[in-house]
Amino acid sequence: MSLVREREVLDELSRRAAVRHKAAEMADLVATVPAMAALGDSAEMVRQAQLRLDQAKGVRANAVQAALAAGYSVRTVAEIAHIAPSTALRISSRQLNS
């Protein structure tokens, strides 16, 4: 095989390898973009769920404080709010200290 022909074959092999490499990169990118988008969506859902949980905790704390202010027993308040009696006692003591 002549030197020119060897050079042509090597160039063609190099070009094919570059095409395969580019195709593999594109396949990775196509697979990664939806995965990253799904992760972003999941992160947003977790953030929204955390926000709702924080709001629910605030509503429950306000309800406990209102029930304690209305004269309900600590045990009744804890049962209504589905919290431990010790938590209701802490909220009650905070209310008394305020």
C-alpha atoms as a PDB file:
ATOM      1  CA  MET A   1       0.000   0.000   0.000  1.00  0.00           C
ATOM      2  CA  SER A   2       1.352   3.376  -0.919  1.00  0.00           C
ATOM      3  CA  LEU A   3       2.042   6.077   1.617  1.00  0.00           C
ATOM      4  CA  VAL A   4      -0.722   8.255   0.153  1.00  0.00           C
ATOM      5  CA  ARG A   5      -3.239   5.404   0.407  1.00  0.00           C
ATOM      6  CA  GLU A   6      -2.204   4.665   4.022  1.00  0.00           C
ATOM      7  CA  ARG A   7      -2.735   8.323   4.840  1.00  0.00           C
ATOM      8  CA  GLU A   8      -6.208   8.242   3.225  1.00  0.00           C
ATOM      9  CA  VAL A   9      -7.161   5.114   5.197  1.00  0.00           C
ATOM     10  CA  LEU A  10      -5.929   6.642   8.470  1.00  0.00           C
ATOM     11  CA  ASP A  11      -7.807   9.866   7.745  1.00  0.00           C
ATOM     12  CA  GLU A  12     -10.993   7.899   7.016  1.00  0.00           C
ATOM     13  CA  LEU A  13     -10.626   5.834  10.201  1.00  0.00           C
ATOM     14  CA  SER A  14     -10.009   9.007  12.192  1.00  0.00           C
ATOM     15  CA  ARG A  15     -13.060  10.668  10.643  1.00  0.00           C
ATOM     16  CA  ARG A  16     -15.251   7.640  11.447  1.00  0.00           C
ATOM     17  CA  ALA A  17     -13.979   7.575  15.011  1.00  0.00           C
ATOM     18  CA  ALA A  18     -14.774  11.280  15.367  1.00  0.00           C
ATOM     19  CA  VAL A  19     -18.292  10.675  14.019  1.00  0.00           C
ATOM     20  CA  ARG A  20     -18.821   7.784  16.459  1.00  0.00           C
ATOM     21  CA  HIS A  21     -17.493   9.920  19.315  1.00  0.00           C
ATOM     22  CA  LYS A  22     -19.805  12.805  18.370  1.00  0.00           C
ATOM     23  CA  ALA A  23     -22.769  10.413  18.133  1.00  0.00           C
ATOM     24  CA  ALA A  24     -21.959   9.021  21.577  1.00  0.00           C
ATOM     25  CA  GLU A  25     -21.737  12.560  22.987  1.00  0.00           C
ATOM     26  CA  MET A  26     -25.102  13.444  21.442  1.00  0.00           C
ATOM     27  CA  ALA A  27     -26.673  10.258  22.825  1.00  0.00           C
ATOM     28  CA  ASP A  28     -25.354  11.124  26.298  1.00  0.00           C
ATOM     29  CA  LEU A  29     -26.673  14.671  25.966  1.00  0.00           C
ATOM     30  CA  VAL A  30     -30.099  13.486  24.816  1.00  0.00           C
ATOM     31  CA  ALA A  31     -30.242  11.043  27.732  1.00  0.00           C
ATOM     32  CA  THR A  32     -28.971  13.622  30.224  1.00  0.00           C
ATOM     33  CA  VAL A  33     -31.257  16.552  29.374  1.00  0.00           C
ATOM     34  CA  PRO A  34     -34.514  14.735  30.257  1.00  0.00           C
ATOM     35  CA  ALA A  35     -32.886  13.273  33.364  1.00  0.00           C
ATOM     36  CA  MET A  36     -31.738  16.716  34.481  1.00  0.00           C
ATOM     37  CA  ALA A  37     -35.183  18.145  33.732  1.00  0.00           C
ATOM     38  CA  ALA A  38     -36.777  15.356  35.772  1.00  0.00           C
ATOM     39  CA  LEU A  39     -34.398  16.076  38.643  1.00  0.00           C
ATOM     40  CA  GLY A  40     -35.266  19.760  38.451  1.00  0.00           C
ATOM     41  CA  ASP A  41     -38.977  18.926  38.488  1.00  0.00           C
ATOM     42  CA  SER A  42     -38.469  16.618  41.456  1.00  0.00           C
ATOM     43  CA  ALA A  43     -36.543  19.286  43.336  1.00  0.00           C
ATOM     44  CA  GLU A  44     -39.359  21.775  42.726  1.00  0.00           C
ATOM     45  CA  MET A  45     -41.942  19.260  43.949  1.00  0.00           C
ATOM     46  CA  VAL A  46     -39.896  18.657  47.104  1.00  0.00           C
ATOM     47  CA  ARG A  47     -39.585  22.416  47.668  1.00  0.00           C
ATOM     48  CA  GLN A  48     -43.337  22.872  47.289  1.00  0.00           C
ATOM     49  CA  ALA A  49     -44.065  19.942  49.600  1.00  0.00           C
ATOM     50  CA  GLN A  50     -41.687  21.377  52.211  1.00  0.00           C
ATOM     51  CA  LEU A  51     -43.422  24.755  51.923  1.00  0.00           C
ATOM     52  CA  ARG A  52     -46.832  23.131  52.442  1.00  0.00           C
ATOM     53  CA  LEU A  53     -45.498  21.145  55.392  1.00  0.00           C
ATOM     54  CA  ASP A  54     -44.115  24.303  56.981  1.00  0.00           C
ATOM     55  CA  GLN A  55     -47.464  26.050  56.454  1.00  0.00           C
ATOM     56  CA  ALA A  56     -49.317  23.097  58.003  1.00  0.00           C
ATOM     57  CA  LYS A  57     -46.992  23.170  61.020  1.00  0.00           C
ATOM     58  CA  GLY A  58     -47.718  26.877  61.450  1.00  0.00           C
ATOM     59  CA  VAL A  59     -51.470  26.313  61.235  1.00  0.00           C
ATOM     60  CA  ARG A  60     -51.230  23.466  63.770  1.00  0.00           C
ATOM     61  CA  ALA A  61     -49.165  25.589  66.166  1.00  0.00           C
ATOM     62  CA  ASN A  62     -51.720  28.394  65.911  1.00  0.00           C
ATOM     63  CA  ALA A  63     -54.556  25.921  66.524  1.00  0.00           C
ATOM     64  CA  VAL A  64     -52.777  24.509  69.580  1.00  0.00           C
ATOM     65  CA  GLN A  65     -52.191  27.981  70.976  1.00  0.00           C
ATOM     66  CA  ALA A  66     -55.842  28.916  70.398  1.00  0.00           C
ATOM     67  CA  ALA A  67     -57.072  25.706  72.057  1.00  0.00           C
ATOM     68  CA  LEU A  68     -54.795  26.261  75.040  1.00  0.00           C
ATOM     69  CA  ALA A  69     -55.955  29.873  75.294  1.00  0.00           C
ATOM     70  CA  ALA A  70     -59.555  28.634  75.217  1.00  0.00           C
ATOM     71  CA  GLY A  71     -58.842  26.512  78.290  1.00  0.00           C
ATOM     72  CA  TYR A  72     -58.607  23.016  76.828  1.00  0.00           C
ATOM     73  CA  SER A  73     -56.380  20.624  78.768  1.00  0.00           C
ATOM     74  CA  VAL A  74     -52.903  19.929  77.443  1.00  0.00           C
ATOM     75  CA  ARG A  75     -53.798  16.275  76.805  1.00  0.00           C
ATOM     76  CA  THR A  76     -56.941  17.237  74.842  1.00  0.00           C
ATOM     77  CA  VAL A  77     -54.999  19.763  72.801  1.00  0.00           C
ATOM     78  CA  ALA A  78     -52.327  17.162  72.069  1.00  0.00           C
ATOM     79  CA  GLU A  79     -54.937  14.632  70.972  1.00  0.00           C
ATOM     80  CA  ILE A  80     -56.707  17.165  68.770  1.00  0.00           C
ATOM     81  CA  ALA A  81     -53.462  18.290  67.145  1.00  0.00           C
ATOM     82  CA  HIS A  82     -52.005  14.753  67.029  1.00  0.00           C
ATOM     83  CA  ILE A  83     -48.845  15.866  68.757  1.00  0.00           C
ATOM     84  CA  ALA A  84     -47.064  14.594  71.815  1.00  0.00           C
ATOM     85  CA  PRO A  85     -48.263  16.064  75.138  1.00  0.00           C
ATOM     86  CA  SER A  86     -44.708  17.303  75.743  1.00  0.00           C
ATOM     87  CA  THR A  87     -44.945  19.390  72.554  1.00  0.00           C
ATOM     88  CA  ALA A  88     -48.253  20.850  73.687  1.00  0.00           C
ATOM     89  CA  LEU A  89     -46.672  21.660  77.062  1.00  0.00           C
ATOM     90  CA  ARG A  90     -43.776  23.450  75.335  1.00  0.00           C
ATOM     91  CA  ILE A  91     -46.189  25.491  73.236  1.00  0.00           C
ATOM     92  CA  SER A  92     -48.199  26.244  76.354  1.00  0.00           C
ATOM     93  CA  SER A  93     -45.126  27.382  78.273  1.00  0.00           C
ATOM     94  CA  ARG A  94     -44.075  29.595  75.363  1.00  0.00           C
ATOM     95  CA  GLN A  95     -47.527  31.132  75.344  1.00  0.00           C
ATOM     96  CA  LEU A  96     -47.340  31.784  79.086  1.00  0.00           C
ATOM     97  CA  ASN A  97     -43.893  33.374  78.739  1.00  0.00           C
ATOM     98  CA  SER A  98     -45.081  35.690  75.946  1.00  0.00           C
END
